[in-house]
């Protein structure tokens, strides 16, 4: 199994609407490991590790949003290798 990591930056109306939980549910369903977190500038960062085809599915689904989000821009950086974490974690927000 050849795993890669994607750092996915989601810009738009993506905080305070259950978006991180939405991402985590999809990641769990697809057996993706990594994390999702709110950033202080209002963006959401997803760090996800799996096979490339699986990450493509994750990206496609999160780009559609959760019904409350408005996705304005998605930026993806791909990385090979590394030691992925166990499971998929929602990083607790300390912004409020």
Protein backbone atom coordinates (compact mmCIF):
# COMPACT_ATOMS: atom_id res chain seq x y z
CA UNK A 1 0.00 0.00 0.00
CA UNK A 2 1.51 3.33 -1.11
CA UNK A 3 0.25 6.05 1.20
CA UNK A 4 0.55 9.77 0.65
CA UNK A 5 -0.36 12.77 2.76
CA UNK A 6 -2.43 15.71 1.62
CA UNK A 7 -2.46 19.05 3.41
CA UNK A 8 -5.82 20.51 2.38
CA UNK A 9 -6.56 24.14 3.16
CA UNK A 10 -10.27 24.99 3.00
CA UNK A 11 -11.15 28.68 2.70
CA UNK A 12 -14.63 30.14 3.01
CA UNK A 13 -17.42 29.82 5.55
CA UNK A 14 -16.08 26.66 7.20
CA UNK A 15 -15.96 27.38 10.94
CA UNK A 16 -18.70 27.22 13.56
CA UNK A 17 -20.96 25.03 11.41
CA UNK A 18 -19.88 21.45 12.18
CA UNK A 19 -17.44 21.29 9.27
CA UNK A 20 -14.63 19.58 11.22
CA UNK A 21 -16.99 16.83 12.42
CA UNK A 22 -18.25 16.45 8.82
CA UNK A 23 -14.67 15.98 7.59
CA UNK A 24 -13.85 13.54 10.41
CA UNK A 25 -16.93 11.42 9.65
CA UNK A 26 -15.89 11.09 5.99
CA UNK A 27 -12.29 10.33 6.98
CA UNK A 28 -13.44 7.62 9.39
CA UNK A 29 -15.69 6.12 6.71
CA UNK A 30 -12.78 5.99 4.23
CA UNK A 31 -10.17 4.81 6.80
CA UNK A 32 -8.12 7.97 6.38
CA UNK A 33 -5.78 8.96 9.22
CA UNK A 34 -4.82 12.50 10.15
CA UNK A 35 -6.48 15.54 11.65
CA UNK A 36 -8.67 18.53 10.94
CA UNK A 37 -8.37 21.88 12.69
CA UNK A 38 -9.63 25.45 12.64
CA UNK A 39 -7.03 28.11 11.88
CA UNK A 40 -7.03 31.57 13.42
CA UNK A 41 -7.65 33.21 10.01
CA UNK A 42 -11.01 31.40 9.57
CA UNK A 43 -9.73 28.60 7.34
CA UNK A 44 -9.79 24.89 8.11
CA UNK A 45 -6.71 22.69 7.63
CA UNK A 46 -7.06 18.98 6.90
CA UNK A 47 -4.00 16.74 7.11
CA UNK A 48 -4.93 13.35 5.70
CA UNK A 49 -2.95 10.19 4.93
CA UNK A 50 -4.15 7.25 2.81
CA UNK A 51 -3.77 5.88 -0.69
CA UNK A 52 -4.03 8.61 -3.32
CA UNK A 53 -7.34 7.30 -4.74
CA UNK A 54 -8.90 7.35 -1.27
CA UNK A 55 -7.70 10.90 -0.63
CA UNK A 56 -9.16 11.94 -3.98
CA UNK A 57 -12.54 10.66 -2.72
CA UNK A 58 -12.15 12.53 0.56
CA UNK A 59 -11.29 15.77 -1.24
CA UNK A 60 -14.19 15.44 -3.65
CA UNK A 61 -16.65 14.95 -0.80
CA UNK A 62 -15.38 17.72 1.48
CA UNK A 63 -15.33 20.18 -1.45
CA UNK A 64 -19.09 19.68 -1.69
CA UNK A 65 -19.46 20.93 1.89
CA UNK A 66 -21.84 19.92 4.62
CA UNK A 67 -24.87 21.98 3.59
CA UNK A 68 -23.91 24.90 5.86
CA UNK A 69 -20.45 25.62 4.50
CA UNK A 70 -19.47 27.83 1.59
CA UNK A 71 -16.22 26.66 0.05
CA UNK A 72 -14.44 29.53 -1.68
CA UNK A 73 -11.02 28.00 -2.32
CA UNK A 74 -9.24 24.69 -1.79
CA UNK A 75 -5.44 24.44 -1.79
CA UNK A 76 -3.77 21.01 -1.68
CA UNK A 77 -0.12 20.14 -1.08
CA UNK A 78 0.91 16.50 -1.53
CA UNK A 79 3.70 14.75 0.39
CA UNK A 80 5.15 11.25 0.13
CA UNK A 81 5.98 9.05 3.09
CA UNK A 82 6.07 10.12 6.71
CA UNK A 83 4.67 8.46 9.80
CA UNK A 84 0.91 9.03 9.93
CA UNK A 85 -0.89 9.20 13.27
CA UNK A 86 -3.41 6.65 14.46
CA UNK A 87 -7.03 7.39 13.54
CA UNK A 88 -8.46 10.75 12.54
CA UNK A 89 -8.63 13.56 15.08
CA UNK A 90 -10.61 16.76 15.37
CA UNK A 91 -8.23 19.27 16.94
CA UNK A 92 -9.97 21.20 19.69
CA UNK A 93 -10.43 24.84 18.74
CA UNK A 94 -8.94 27.42 21.09
CA UNK A 95 -10.02 30.38 18.98
CA UNK A 96 -13.08 31.49 20.91
